[in-house]
Amino acid sequence: MQNWIFDIRSRTFFLLLLSFLILLSLAVTKAVFTYDTGFETALSKLVGNQAIDLTMDVFTELGWVLYPIFVSIILFIIKKTRRLGLVLLLSLLVGSMVVAYMRCYTGYEKPALDYLGAHLALKSGADVGVPCSIEGTFPAGATMRTTIFAFIIGYALSRRFPRGCYLLWIYPIMVSLSRLYLLQEYPLTILAGVVSGILIANIISKKLKIELIFDKSKT
């Protein structure tokens, strides 16, 4: 899993960056907006099963911005995991700022459909604020944050749990599916959230030398 950390001048980085730029151009031109809205319209007809509705609501709540930030702060406070906590916290903060401003300039508005399924009794936490009047959704903030979390924490656990660390990717997958189900995101914005999350997590990890977390003398 340590191979996930790739060089900024590598082919992997170039392909991911190119993929994000393509997704960005699709968002700005709204080239696939009709397909996105059609997908959401079809999905809106599937709601109504209370158990599924509430389960999806729980996963969406788990994607709230403060949960991974709380984890990163705790890791930063503990001396042994301070570098890991710093990498995670900085990645989340940078990612949140990138999402906030990109939502303004892309203008890819949230789905207009009303979700008519069951809701949890508690009110979901607010997402990252947008510094403009447009309530955009490109890229998906919850997907980006949970992808960053799975990428960095998964890497940290890769030596001790070389196979089990992959289970962390269930987190961003389920949060992303729940956001689609609750009519909060489009497939395009979800894909952009995944790609941007990997790019940001990798850049910050490389700059702060995350590999040193395995060197006990330098953590």
N, C-alpha and C. Protein backbone atom coordinates (compact mmCIF):
# COMPACT_ATOMS: atom_id res chain seq x y z
N MET A 1 0.82 -1.21 0.00
CA MET A 1 0.00 0.00 0.00
C MET A 1 0.85 1.26 0.00
N GLN A 2 2.11 1.13 0.43
CA GLN A 2 2.97 2.30 0.43
C GLN A 2 3.19 2.81 -0.99
N ASN A 3 2.92 1.98 -1.99
CA ASN A 3 3.05 2.41 -3.38
C ASN A 3 1.98 3.43 -3.75
N TRP A 4 0.98 3.60 -2.89
CA TRP A 4 -0.05 4.59 -3.17
C TRP A 4 0.53 6.00 -3.15
N ILE A 5 1.56 6.23 -2.38
CA ILE A 5 2.19 7.54 -2.35
C ILE A 5 3.07 7.65 -3.58
N PHE A 6 2.65 8.45 -4.53
CA PHE A 6 3.37 8.54 -5.80
C PHE A 6 4.01 9.92 -5.96
N ASP A 7 5.04 9.96 -6.76
CA ASP A 7 5.77 11.20 -6.98
C ASP A 7 4.92 12.19 -7.77
N ILE A 8 5.10 13.47 -7.47
CA ILE A 8 4.32 14.51 -8.12
C ILE A 8 4.63 14.60 -9.62
N ARG A 9 5.78 14.12 -10.02
CA ARG A 9 6.15 14.13 -11.44
C ARG A 9 5.94 12.77 -12.10
N SER A 10 5.19 11.91 -11.45
CA SER A 10 4.97 10.56 -11.97
C SER A 10 3.82 10.53 -12.97
N ARG A 11 3.72 9.42 -13.69
CA ARG A 11 2.63 9.24 -14.64
C ARG A 11 1.29 9.17 -13.92
N THR A 12 1.28 8.55 -12.75
CA THR A 12 0.03 8.44 -11.97
C THR A 12 -0.51 9.82 -11.62
N PHE A 13 0.37 10.69 -11.15
CA PHE A 13 -0.06 12.05 -10.81
C PHE A 13 -0.58 12.78 -12.04
N PHE A 14 0.13 12.65 -13.15
CA PHE A 14 -0.28 13.32 -14.39
C PHE A 14 -1.66 12.84 -14.84
N LEU A 15 -1.90 11.53 -14.79
CA LEU A 15 -3.18 10.99 -15.23
C LEU A 15 -4.32 11.43 -14.31
N LEU A 16 -4.05 11.46 -13.00
CA LEU A 16 -5.08 11.91 -12.06
C LEU A 16 -5.38 13.39 -12.26
N LEU A 17 -4.34 14.19 -12.45
CA LEU A 17 -4.54 15.62 -12.68
C LEU A 17 -5.30 15.86 -13.98
N LEU A 18 -4.94 15.12 -15.02
CA LEU A 18 -5.64 15.23 -16.29
C LEU A 18 -7.11 14.84 -16.14
N SER A 19 -7.36 13.78 -15.38
CA SER A 19 -8.74 13.33 -15.13
C SER A 19 -9.54 14.42 -14.43
N PHE A 20 -8.92 15.06 -13.44
CA PHE A 20 -9.63 16.11 -12.71
C PHE A 20 -9.92 17.31 -13.62
N LEU A 21 -8.97 17.66 -14.47
CA LEU A 21 -9.18 18.79 -15.38
C LEU A 21 -10.31 18.49 -16.36
N ILE A 22 -10.40 17.25 -16.79
CA ILE A 22 -11.50 16.85 -17.68
C ILE A 22 -12.83 16.96 -16.95
N LEU A 23 -12.87 16.46 -15.72
CA LEU A 23 -14.10 16.57 -14.91
C LEU A 23 -14.46 18.03 -14.67
N LEU A 24 -13.45 18.85 -14.43
CA LEU A 24 -13.67 20.28 -14.21
C LEU A 24 -14.27 20.95 -15.44
N SER A 25 -13.74 20.61 -16.61
CA SER A 25 -14.27 21.18 -17.85
C SER A 25 -15.71 20.74 -18.09
N LEU A 26 -16.02 19.50 -17.74
CA LEU A 26 -17.40 19.01 -17.87
C LEU A 26 -18.34 19.76 -16.94
N ALA A 27 -17.83 20.11 -15.76
CA ALA A 27 -18.65 20.84 -14.79
C ALA A 27 -18.88 22.28 -15.24
N VAL A 28 -17.83 22.94 -15.70
CA VAL A 28 -17.93 24.34 -16.11
C VAL A 28 -18.84 24.49 -17.33
N THR A 29 -18.71 23.58 -18.28
CA THR A 29 -19.52 23.65 -19.50
C THR A 29 -20.90 23.00 -19.32
N LYS A 30 -21.06 22.29 -18.18
CA LYS A 30 -22.32 21.56 -17.91
C LYS A 30 -22.65 20.58 -19.04
N ALA A 31 -21.62 19.97 -19.59
CA ALA A 31 -21.78 19.05 -20.72
C ALA A 31 -22.57 17.80 -20.35
N VAL A 32 -22.47 17.37 -19.10
CA VAL A 32 -23.17 16.14 -18.69
C VAL A 32 -24.25 16.44 -17.65
N PHE A 33 -24.63 17.71 -17.54
CA PHE A 33 -25.61 18.09 -16.51
C PHE A 33 -26.95 17.38 -16.73
N THR A 34 -27.34 17.23 -17.98
CA THR A 34 -28.61 16.55 -18.29
C THR A 34 -28.58 15.10 -17.81
N TYR A 35 -27.45 14.44 -18.01
CA TYR A 35 -27.32 13.04 -17.58
C TYR A 35 -27.30 12.95 -16.05
N ASP A 36 -26.64 13.91 -15.41
CA ASP A 36 -26.61 13.93 -13.95
C ASP A 36 -28.00 14.11 -13.36
N THR A 37 -28.75 15.05 -13.90
CA THR A 37 -30.11 15.29 -13.39
C THR A 37 -31.02 14.10 -13.69
N GLY A 38 -30.82 13.47 -14.85
CA GLY A 38 -31.60 12.28 -15.18
C GLY A 38 -31.32 11.14 -14.22
N PHE A 39 -30.06 11.00 -13.84
CA PHE A 39 -29.67 9.96 -12.88
C PHE A 39 -30.33 10.22 -11.53
N GLU A 40 -30.32 11.47 -11.09
CA GLU A 40 -30.92 11.82 -9.80
C GLU A 40 -32.44 11.64 -9.83
N THR A 41 -33.06 11.95 -10.95
CA THR A 41 -34.51 11.76 -11.08
C THR A 41 -34.87 10.29 -10.95
N ALA A 42 -34.09 9.43 -11.61
CA ALA A 42 -34.33 7.99 -11.52
C ALA A 42 -34.08 7.49 -10.10
N LEU A 43 -33.05 8.02 -9.46
CA LEU A 43 -32.71 7.60 -8.10
C LEU A 43 -33.77 8.03 -7.09
N SER A 44 -34.39 9.17 -7.34
CA SER A 44 -35.39 9.69 -6.40
C SER A 44 -36.61 8.77 -6.30
N LYS A 45 -36.80 7.94 -7.31
CA LYS A 45 -37.95 7.03 -7.31
C LYS A 45 -37.69 5.77 -6.48
N LEU A 46 -36.44 5.59 -6.03
CA LEU A 46 -36.09 4.39 -5.27
C LEU A 46 -36.24 4.58 -3.77
N VAL A 47 -36.37 5.82 -3.32
CA VAL A 47 -36.46 6.07 -1.88
C VAL A 47 -37.82 5.61 -1.35
N GLY A 48 -37.88 5.40 -0.06
CA GLY A 48 -39.15 5.00 0.53
C GLY A 48 -39.03 3.84 1.50
N ASN A 49 -37.94 3.07 1.39
CA ASN A 49 -37.68 2.01 2.36
C ASN A 49 -37.05 2.65 3.59
N GLN A 50 -37.76 2.64 4.71
CA GLN A 50 -37.30 3.37 5.89
C GLN A 50 -35.94 2.90 6.38
N ALA A 51 -35.70 1.60 6.38
CA ALA A 51 -34.42 1.07 6.86
C ALA A 51 -33.26 1.57 6.01
N ILE A 52 -33.44 1.52 4.68
CA ILE A 52 -32.39 2.00 3.78
C ILE A 52 -32.22 3.51 3.90
N ASP A 53 -33.34 4.21 3.96
CA ASP A 53 -33.29 5.68 4.08
C ASP A 53 -32.49 6.11 5.30
N LEU A 54 -32.78 5.49 6.44
CA LEU A 54 -32.10 5.87 7.68
C LEU A 54 -30.63 5.45 7.66
N THR A 55 -30.35 4.30 7.05
CA THR A 55 -28.95 3.85 6.94
C THR A 55 -28.14 4.84 6.12
N MET A 56 -28.70 5.28 5.01
CA MET A 56 -28.01 6.26 4.17
C MET A 56 -27.84 7.59 4.89
N ASP A 57 -28.81 7.95 5.70
CA ASP A 57 -28.72 9.18 6.48
C ASP A 57 -27.57 9.10 7.49
N VAL A 58 -27.40 7.92 8.08
CA VAL A 58 -26.30 7.71 9.04
C VAL A 58 -24.95 7.87 8.35
N PHE A 59 -24.80 7.26 7.17
CA PHE A 59 -23.52 7.37 6.45
C PHE A 59 -23.24 8.80 6.02
N THR A 60 -24.28 9.52 5.62
CA THR A 60 -24.08 10.92 5.26
C THR A 60 -23.62 11.73 6.47
N GLU A 61 -24.20 11.44 7.62
CA GLU A 61 -23.80 12.13 8.85
C GLU A 61 -22.34 11.84 9.18
N LEU A 62 -21.88 10.62 8.92
CA LEU A 62 -20.49 10.24 9.20
C LEU A 62 -19.50 10.97 8.28
N GLY A 63 -20.01 11.56 7.21
CA GLY A 63 -19.14 12.32 6.32
C GLY A 63 -19.00 13.78 6.70
N TRP A 64 -19.59 14.16 7.83
CA TRP A 64 -19.52 15.55 8.30
C TRP A 64 -18.07 15.97 8.50
N VAL A 65 -17.77 17.19 8.16
CA VAL A 65 -16.40 17.70 8.14
C VAL A 65 -15.67 17.58 9.47
N LEU A 66 -16.38 17.73 10.59
CA LEU A 66 -15.69 17.75 11.89
C LEU A 66 -15.22 16.38 12.36
N TYR A 67 -15.82 15.30 11.91
CA TYR A 67 -15.42 13.98 12.38
C TYR A 67 -13.97 13.64 12.01
N PRO A 68 -13.58 13.71 10.74
CA PRO A 68 -12.17 13.43 10.42
C PRO A 68 -11.22 14.46 11.01
N ILE A 69 -11.69 15.70 11.17
CA ILE A 69 -10.83 16.72 11.79
C ILE A 69 -10.59 16.40 13.25
N PHE A 70 -11.62 15.93 13.96
CA PHE A 70 -11.45 15.52 15.35
C PHE A 70 -10.39 14.43 15.46
N VAL A 71 -10.46 13.45 14.56
CA VAL A 71 -9.49 12.35 14.57
C VAL A 71 -8.08 12.88 14.33
N SER A 72 -7.94 13.79 13.38
CA SER A 72 -6.62 14.34 13.07
C SER A 72 -6.05 15.13 14.23
N ILE A 73 -6.89 15.85 14.96
CA ILE A 73 -6.43 16.62 16.13
C ILE A 73 -5.96 15.68 17.23
N ILE A 74 -6.71 14.61 17.45
CA ILE A 74 -6.31 13.62 18.47
C ILE A 74 -4.97 12.99 18.10
N LEU A 75 -4.81 12.64 16.83
CA LEU A 75 -3.54 12.06 16.37
C LEU A 75 -2.39 13.05 16.53
N PHE A 76 -2.68 14.32 16.29
CA PHE A 76 -1.64 15.35 16.40
C PHE A 76 -1.22 15.56 17.85
N ILE A 77 -2.15 15.43 18.77
CA ILE A 77 -1.85 15.62 20.20
C ILE A 77 -0.94 14.51 20.71
N ILE A 78 -1.18 13.28 20.25
CA ILE A 78 -0.36 12.14 20.69
C ILE A 78 1.01 12.21 20.03
N LYS A 79 2.05 12.15 20.81
CA LYS A 79 3.41 12.34 20.30
C LYS A 79 3.79 11.33 19.21
N LYS A 80 3.43 10.06 19.41
CA LYS A 80 3.81 9.01 18.46
C LYS A 80 3.17 9.20 17.08
N THR A 81 2.01 9.84 17.05
CA THR A 81 1.28 9.98 15.79
C THR A 81 1.18 11.45 15.35
N ARG A 82 2.06 12.29 15.87
CA ARG A 82 1.98 13.74 15.59
C ARG A 82 2.13 14.05 14.10
N ARG A 83 3.10 13.44 13.45
CA ARG A 83 3.29 13.71 12.01
C ARG A 83 2.08 13.25 11.21
N LEU A 84 1.57 12.07 11.54
CA LEU A 84 0.38 11.56 10.86
C LEU A 84 -0.80 12.51 11.05
N GLY A 85 -0.99 12.98 12.28
CA GLY A 85 -2.08 13.91 12.56
C GLY A 85 -1.92 15.21 11.79
N LEU A 86 -0.69 15.70 11.69
CA LEU A 86 -0.43 16.94 10.96
C LEU A 86 -0.73 16.78 9.48
N VAL A 87 -0.29 15.67 8.90
CA VAL A 87 -0.55 15.41 7.49
C VAL A 87 -2.05 15.34 7.22
N LEU A 88 -2.76 14.62 8.06
CA LEU A 88 -4.21 14.47 7.89
C LEU A 88 -4.93 15.80 8.08
N LEU A 89 -4.58 16.53 9.13
CA LEU A 89 -5.25 17.80 9.41
C LEU A 89 -5.02 18.81 8.30
N LEU A 90 -3.77 18.94 7.87
CA LEU A 90 -3.46 19.91 6.81
C LEU A 90 -4.14 19.53 5.50
N SER A 91 -4.18 18.24 5.20
CA SER A 91 -4.85 17.78 3.98
C SER A 91 -6.33 18.11 4.01
N LEU A 92 -6.96 17.90 5.15
CA LEU A 92 -8.39 18.19 5.29
C LEU A 92 -8.67 19.68 5.17
N LEU A 93 -7.82 20.50 5.78
CA LEU A 93 -8.02 21.96 5.72
C LEU A 93 -7.81 22.49 4.31
N VAL A 94 -6.74 22.05 3.66
CA VAL A 94 -6.48 22.48 2.29
C VAL A 94 -7.60 22.01 1.37
N GLY A 95 -8.01 20.75 1.52
CA GLY A 95 -9.08 20.22 0.70
C GLY A 95 -10.39 20.97 0.88
N SER A 96 -10.71 21.32 2.12
CA SER A 96 -11.95 22.05 2.40
C SER A 96 -11.93 23.43 1.76
N MET A 97 -10.78 24.10 1.79
CA MET A 97 -10.67 25.42 1.16
C MET A 97 -10.78 25.31 -0.36
N VAL A 98 -10.14 24.30 -0.92
CA VAL A 98 -10.22 24.09 -2.37
C VAL A 98 -11.66 23.85 -2.80
N VAL A 99 -12.36 23.00 -2.06
CA VAL A 99 -13.77 22.70 -2.37
C VAL A 99 -14.62 23.96 -2.29
N ALA A 100 -14.43 24.76 -1.23
CA ALA A 100 -15.25 25.95 -1.02
C ALA A 100 -15.14 26.92 -2.20
N TYR A 101 -13.92 27.17 -2.66
CA TYR A 101 -13.74 28.13 -3.76
C TYR A 101 -14.11 27.55 -5.11
N MET A 102 -13.87 26.27 -5.31
CA MET A 102 -14.22 25.67 -6.60
C MET A 102 -15.73 25.62 -6.79
N ARG A 103 -16.45 25.47 -5.70
CA ARG A 103 -17.91 25.45 -5.80
C ARG A 103 -18.44 26.79 -6.30
N CYS A 104 -17.73 27.86 -5.98
CA CYS A 104 -18.14 29.18 -6.46
C CYS A 104 -17.91 29.33 -7.96
N TYR A 105 -16.72 28.96 -8.39
CA TYR A 105 -16.31 29.26 -9.76
C TYR A 105 -16.83 28.27 -10.79
N THR A 106 -17.19 27.07 -10.36
CA THR A 106 -17.76 26.11 -11.32
C THR A 106 -19.26 26.32 -11.48
N GLY A 107 -19.94 26.74 -10.42
CA GLY A 107 -21.36 27.01 -10.51
C GLY A 107 -22.21 25.78 -10.76
N TYR A 108 -21.72 24.62 -10.37
CA TYR A 108 -22.46 23.37 -10.57
C TYR A 108 -23.40 23.19 -9.39
N GLU A 109 -24.64 23.65 -9.55
CA GLU A 109 -25.56 23.71 -8.44
C GLU A 109 -26.03 22.34 -7.95
N LYS A 110 -26.47 22.31 -6.70
CA LYS A 110 -26.96 21.07 -6.10
C LYS A 110 -28.23 20.60 -6.78
N PRO A 111 -28.53 19.30 -6.69
CA PRO A 111 -29.78 18.79 -7.26
C PRO A 111 -30.99 19.53 -6.70
N ALA A 112 -31.91 19.86 -7.59
CA ALA A 112 -33.09 20.63 -7.18
C ALA A 112 -34.20 19.75 -6.63
N LEU A 113 -34.08 18.44 -6.79
CA LEU A 113 -35.12 17.53 -6.32
C LEU A 113 -35.17 17.48 -4.80
N ASP A 114 -36.36 17.38 -4.27
CA ASP A 114 -36.53 17.24 -2.82
C ASP A 114 -36.48 15.76 -2.44
N TYR A 115 -35.71 15.47 -1.41
CA TYR A 115 -35.62 14.10 -0.91
C TYR A 115 -36.85 13.83 -0.04
N LEU A 116 -37.61 12.80 -0.38
CA LEU A 116 -38.87 12.51 0.31
C LEU A 116 -38.80 11.27 1.19
N GLY A 117 -37.60 10.74 1.41
CA GLY A 117 -37.44 9.56 2.25
C GLY A 117 -37.40 9.91 3.73
N ALA A 118 -37.20 8.87 4.56
CA ALA A 118 -37.14 9.06 6.01
C ALA A 118 -35.83 9.73 6.41
N HIS A 119 -35.88 10.53 7.48
CA HIS A 119 -34.71 11.23 7.99
C HIS A 119 -34.45 10.82 9.43
N LEU A 120 -33.19 10.96 9.86
CA LEU A 120 -32.86 10.78 11.27
C LEU A 120 -33.47 11.92 12.08
N ALA A 121 -33.68 11.64 13.36
CA ALA A 121 -34.24 12.68 14.23
C ALA A 121 -33.28 13.85 14.40
N LEU A 122 -31.97 13.54 14.41
CA LEU A 122 -30.98 14.60 14.59
C LEU A 122 -30.73 15.33 13.28
N LYS A 123 -30.34 16.59 13.40
CA LYS A 123 -30.08 17.42 12.23
C LYS A 123 -28.63 17.25 11.81
N SER A 124 -28.40 17.03 10.52
CA SER A 124 -27.04 16.83 10.02
C SER A 124 -26.22 18.10 10.19
N GLY A 125 -24.91 17.91 10.44
CA GLY A 125 -24.02 19.04 10.59
C GLY A 125 -23.84 19.76 9.26
N ALA A 126 -23.59 21.05 9.34
CA ALA A 126 -23.41 21.86 8.14
C ALA A 126 -22.12 21.48 7.43
N ASP A 127 -22.15 21.57 6.11
CA ASP A 127 -20.95 21.30 5.33
C ASP A 127 -20.08 22.55 5.29
N VAL A 128 -18.97 22.47 4.57
CA VAL A 128 -18.07 23.61 4.45
C VAL A 128 -18.80 24.76 3.78
N GLY A 129 -18.66 25.96 4.32
CA GLY A 129 -19.31 27.13 3.76
C GLY A 129 -18.72 27.52 2.42
N VAL A 130 -19.51 28.17 1.60
CA VAL A 130 -19.07 28.62 0.28
C VAL A 130 -19.02 30.15 0.29
N PRO A 131 -17.86 30.75 -0.07
CA PRO A 131 -17.72 32.21 -0.02
C PRO A 131 -18.36 32.93 -1.19
N CYS A 132 -19.59 32.55 -1.54
CA CYS A 132 -20.32 33.22 -2.62
C CYS A 132 -21.79 32.86 -2.48
N SER A 133 -22.61 33.42 -3.35
CA SER A 133 -24.06 33.20 -3.25
C SER A 133 -24.50 31.89 -3.90
N ILE A 134 -23.62 31.27 -4.69
CA ILE A 134 -23.97 30.02 -5.37
C ILE A 134 -23.76 28.83 -4.43
N GLU A 135 -24.77 28.01 -4.28
CA GLU A 135 -24.63 26.81 -3.46
C GLU A 135 -24.19 25.66 -4.36
N GLY A 136 -22.93 25.68 -4.72
CA GLY A 136 -22.41 24.69 -5.66
C GLY A 136 -22.13 23.35 -5.00
N THR A 137 -21.80 22.38 -5.84
CA THR A 137 -21.55 21.03 -5.32
C THR A 137 -20.38 20.34 -6.01
N PHE A 138 -19.57 21.08 -6.78
CA PHE A 138 -18.41 20.49 -7.46
C PHE A 138 -17.13 21.05 -6.87
N PRO A 139 -16.23 20.17 -6.38
CA PRO A 139 -16.38 18.72 -6.20
C PRO A 139 -17.11 18.40 -4.89
N ALA A 140 -17.48 17.13 -4.72
CA ALA A 140 -18.22 16.70 -3.53
C ALA A 140 -17.32 16.77 -2.30
N GLY A 141 -17.69 17.63 -1.34
CA GLY A 141 -16.86 17.83 -0.16
C GLY A 141 -16.73 16.61 0.73
N ALA A 142 -17.85 15.95 1.01
CA ALA A 142 -17.83 14.78 1.89
C ALA A 142 -17.00 13.66 1.27
N THR A 143 -17.13 13.47 -0.03
CA THR A 143 -16.34 12.45 -0.72
C THR A 143 -14.86 12.78 -0.68
N MET A 144 -14.53 14.05 -0.92
CA MET A 144 -13.13 14.48 -0.89
C MET A 144 -12.52 14.24 0.49
N ARG A 145 -13.22 14.62 1.55
CA ARG A 145 -12.68 14.48 2.92
C ARG A 145 -12.51 13.02 3.31
N THR A 146 -13.51 12.21 3.03
CA THR A 146 -13.42 10.80 3.41
C THR A 146 -12.39 10.05 2.57
N THR A 147 -12.18 10.48 1.33
CA THR A 147 -11.13 9.90 0.50
C THR A 147 -9.76 10.24 1.08
N ILE A 148 -9.57 11.49 1.49
CA ILE A 148 -8.32 11.90 2.14
C ILE A 148 -8.08 11.06 3.39
N PHE A 149 -9.11 10.88 4.18
CA PHE A 149 -9.00 10.11 5.42
C PHE A 149 -8.58 8.67 5.13
N ALA A 150 -9.26 8.02 4.17
CA ALA A 150 -8.95 6.62 3.84
C ALA A 150 -7.55 6.49 3.25
N PHE A 151 -7.15 7.44 2.43
CA PHE A 151 -5.84 7.41 1.79
C PHE A 151 -4.72 7.51 2.82
N ILE A 152 -4.81 8.49 3.72
CA ILE A 152 -3.73 8.74 4.68
C ILE A 152 -3.71 7.73 5.81
N ILE A 153 -4.87 7.48 6.42
CA ILE A 153 -4.92 6.52 7.53
C ILE A 153 -4.67 5.10 7.01
N GLY A 154 -5.16 4.80 5.82
CA GLY A 154 -4.90 3.50 5.23
C GLY A 154 -3.41 3.28 5.01
N TYR A 155 -2.73 4.31 4.54
CA TYR A 155 -1.28 4.22 4.35
C TYR A 155 -0.58 3.98 5.68
N ALA A 156 -1.01 4.68 6.71
CA ALA A 156 -0.39 4.54 8.03
C ALA A 156 -0.56 3.13 8.60
N LEU A 157 -1.67 2.48 8.25
CA LEU A 157 -1.94 1.13 8.77
C LEU A 157 -1.44 0.02 7.85
N SER A 158 -0.87 0.40 6.72
CA SER A 158 -0.55 -0.60 5.69
C SER A 158 0.52 -1.61 6.11
N ARG A 159 1.44 -1.21 6.97
CA ARG A 159 2.47 -2.16 7.40
C ARG A 159 1.92 -3.18 8.39
N ARG A 160 1.12 -2.71 9.31
CA ARG A 160 0.58 -3.62 10.33
C ARG A 160 -0.58 -4.44 9.78
N PHE A 161 -1.38 -3.84 8.92
CA PHE A 161 -2.54 -4.53 8.35
C PHE A 161 -2.50 -4.39 6.82
N PRO A 162 -1.62 -5.14 6.15
CA PRO A 162 -1.44 -4.98 4.70
C PRO A 162 -2.69 -5.27 3.87
N ARG A 163 -3.59 -6.07 4.39
CA ARG A 163 -4.85 -6.33 3.68
C ARG A 163 -6.02 -5.60 4.32
N GLY A 164 -6.05 -5.60 5.63
CA GLY A 164 -7.16 -4.97 6.34
C GLY A 164 -7.26 -3.48 6.10
N CYS A 165 -6.15 -2.84 5.76
CA CYS A 165 -6.17 -1.38 5.55
C CYS A 165 -7.10 -0.99 4.40
N TYR A 166 -7.33 -1.90 3.47
CA TYR A 166 -8.21 -1.59 2.35
C TYR A 166 -9.66 -1.42 2.79
N LEU A 167 -10.00 -1.98 3.94
CA LEU A 167 -11.37 -1.85 4.45
C LEU A 167 -11.73 -0.41 4.74
N LEU A 168 -10.73 0.43 4.96
CA LEU A 168 -11.01 1.85 5.21
C LEU A 168 -11.70 2.52 4.03
N TRP A 169 -11.52 1.97 2.85
CA TRP A 169 -12.15 2.57 1.67
C TRP A 169 -13.66 2.36 1.63
N ILE A 170 -14.16 1.51 2.52
CA ILE A 170 -15.61 1.38 2.66
C ILE A 170 -16.21 2.71 3.11
N TYR A 171 -15.45 3.44 3.92
CA TYR A 171 -15.90 4.73 4.46
C TYR A 171 -16.25 5.72 3.35
N PRO A 172 -15.32 6.10 2.46
CA PRO A 172 -15.69 7.04 1.40
C PRO A 172 -16.71 6.47 0.41
N ILE A 173 -16.66 5.16 0.18
CA ILE A 173 -17.62 4.56 -0.75
C ILE A 173 -19.04 4.70 -0.23
N MET A 174 -19.26 4.35 1.04
CA MET A 174 -20.60 4.42 1.60
C MET A 174 -21.08 5.86 1.77
N VAL A 175 -20.19 6.75 2.18
CA VAL A 175 -20.58 8.16 2.30
C VAL A 175 -20.98 8.71 0.94
N SER A 176 -20.23 8.38 -0.09
CA SER A 176 -20.53 8.86 -1.44
C SER A 176 -21.86 8.31 -1.95
N LEU A 177 -22.08 7.02 -1.73
CA LEU A 177 -23.36 6.42 -2.14
C LEU A 177 -24.53 7.06 -1.40
N SER A 178 -24.33 7.35 -0.13
CA SER A 178 -25.41 7.96 0.65
C SER A 178 -25.71 9.37 0.16
N ARG A 179 -24.68 10.11 -0.25
CA ARG A 179 -24.90 11.47 -0.76
C ARG A 179 -25.69 11.43 -2.08
N LEU A 180 -25.40 10.44 -2.89
CA LEU A 180 -26.18 10.27 -4.12
C LEU A 180 -27.62 9.90 -3.79
N TYR A 181 -27.78 8.96 -2.88
CA TYR A 181 -29.11 8.47 -2.51
C TYR A 181 -29.98 9.58 -1.93
N LEU A 182 -29.37 10.46 -1.14
CA LEU A 182 -30.11 11.55 -0.51
C LEU A 182 -30.25 12.77 -1.42
N LEU A 183 -29.86 12.61 -2.69
CA LEU A 183 -30.00 13.65 -3.71
C LEU A 183 -29.22 14.92 -3.35
N GLN A 184 -28.03 14.72 -2.80
CA GLN A 184 -27.17 15.85 -2.43
C GLN A 184 -26.01 16.05 -3.41
N GLU A 185 -25.72 15.05 -4.21
CA GLU A 185 -24.60 15.11 -5.15
C GLU A 185 -24.98 14.46 -6.47
N TYR A 186 -24.14 14.73 -7.47
CA TYR A 186 -24.26 14.09 -8.78
C TYR A 186 -23.10 13.10 -8.97
N PRO A 187 -23.23 12.15 -9.89
CA PRO A 187 -22.10 11.26 -10.18
C PRO A 187 -20.82 12.02 -10.54
N LEU A 188 -20.96 13.11 -11.32
CA LEU A 188 -19.79 13.90 -11.71
C LEU A 188 -19.09 14.50 -10.51
N THR A 189 -19.85 15.05 -9.57
CA THR A 189 -19.23 15.69 -8.40
C THR A 189 -18.60 14.67 -7.47
N ILE A 190 -19.18 13.47 -7.42
CA ILE A 190 -18.60 12.39 -6.61
C ILE A 190 -17.25 11.97 -7.18
N LEU A 191 -17.19 11.77 -8.48
CA LEU A 191 -15.93 11.39 -9.12
C LEU A 191 -14.86 12.46 -8.90
N ALA A 192 -15.26 13.72 -9.01
CA ALA A 192 -14.32 14.82 -8.78
C ALA A 192 -13.84 14.84 -7.34
N GLY A 193 -14.72 14.50 -6.41
CA GLY A 193 -14.33 14.44 -5.00
C GLY A 193 -13.30 13.37 -4.73
N VAL A 194 -13.45 12.22 -5.37
CA VAL A 194 -12.49 11.12 -5.21
C VAL A 194 -11.12 11.52 -5.75
N VAL A 195 -11.10 12.02 -6.98
CA VAL A 195 -9.83 12.37 -7.63
C VAL A 195 -9.13 13.50 -6.89
N SER A 196 -9.88 14.55 -6.54
CA SER A 196 -9.28 15.68 -5.82
C SER A 196 -8.78 15.26 -4.45
N GLY A 197 -9.50 14.36 -3.78
CA GLY A 197 -9.08 13.88 -2.47
C GLY A 197 -7.76 13.13 -2.53
N ILE A 198 -7.61 12.27 -3.54
CA ILE A 198 -6.36 11.52 -3.71
C ILE A 198 -5.21 12.46 -4.04
N LEU A 199 -5.45 13.42 -4.93
CA LEU A 199 -4.40 14.37 -5.32
C LEU A 199 -3.92 15.19 -4.13
N ILE A 200 -4.86 15.75 -3.37
CA ILE A 200 -4.51 16.59 -2.23
C ILE A 200 -3.80 15.79 -1.15
N ALA A 201 -4.34 14.61 -0.84
CA ALA A 201 -3.72 13.76 0.19
C ALA A 201 -2.31 13.37 -0.20
N ASN A 202 -2.11 13.06 -1.48
CA ASN A 202 -0.79 12.65 -1.93
C ASN A 202 0.21 13.81 -1.90
N ILE A 203 -0.22 14.99 -2.36
CA ILE A 203 0.68 16.15 -2.38
C ILE A 203 1.13 16.52 -0.97
N ILE A 204 0.19 16.61 -0.04
CA ILE A 204 0.53 16.97 1.35
C ILE A 204 1.39 15.87 1.98
N SER A 205 1.06 14.62 1.70
CA SER A 205 1.83 13.50 2.26
C SER A 205 3.28 13.53 1.77
N LYS A 206 3.48 13.85 0.49
CA LYS A 206 4.83 13.93 -0.05
C LYS A 206 5.60 15.11 0.54
N LYS A 207 4.93 16.26 0.63
CA LYS A 207 5.60 17.46 1.14
C LYS A 207 6.01 17.32 2.60
N LEU A 208 5.17 16.66 3.40
CA LEU A 208 5.45 16.50 4.83
C LEU A 208 6.13 15.18 5.15
N LYS A 209 6.51 14.44 4.11
CA LYS A 209 7.26 13.19 4.27
C LYS A 209 6.56 12.21 5.22
N ILE A 210 5.38 11.80 4.83
CA ILE A 210 4.58 10.91 5.67
C ILE A 210 5.28 9.57 5.92
N GLU A 211 6.19 9.18 5.03
CA GLU A 211 6.88 7.90 5.22
C GLU A 211 7.69 7.86 6.51
N LEU A 212 7.98 9.03 7.08
CA LEU A 212 8.74 9.08 8.34
C LEU A 212 7.94 8.60 9.54
N ILE A 213 6.63 8.39 9.36
CA ILE A 213 5.83 7.86 10.48
C ILE A 213 6.26 6.45 10.84
N PHE A 214 6.93 5.76 9.90
CA PHE A 214 7.41 4.41 10.17
C PHE A 214 8.80 4.41 10.81
N ASP A 215 9.41 5.59 10.90
CA ASP A 215 10.72 5.74 11.54
C ASP A 215 10.49 6.30 12.93
N LYS A 216 10.54 5.46 13.93
CA LYS A 216 10.21 5.87 15.30
C LYS A 216 11.09 6.99 15.82
N SER A 217 12.29 7.10 15.31
CA SER A 217 13.21 8.13 15.80
C SER A 217 12.87 9.51 15.26
N LYS A 218 11.97 9.57 14.24
CA LYS A 218 11.66 10.86 13.61
C LYS A 218 10.20 11.24 13.69
N THR A 219 9.39 10.48 14.42
CA THR A 219 7.99 10.81 14.57
C THR A 219 7.78 11.77 15.70
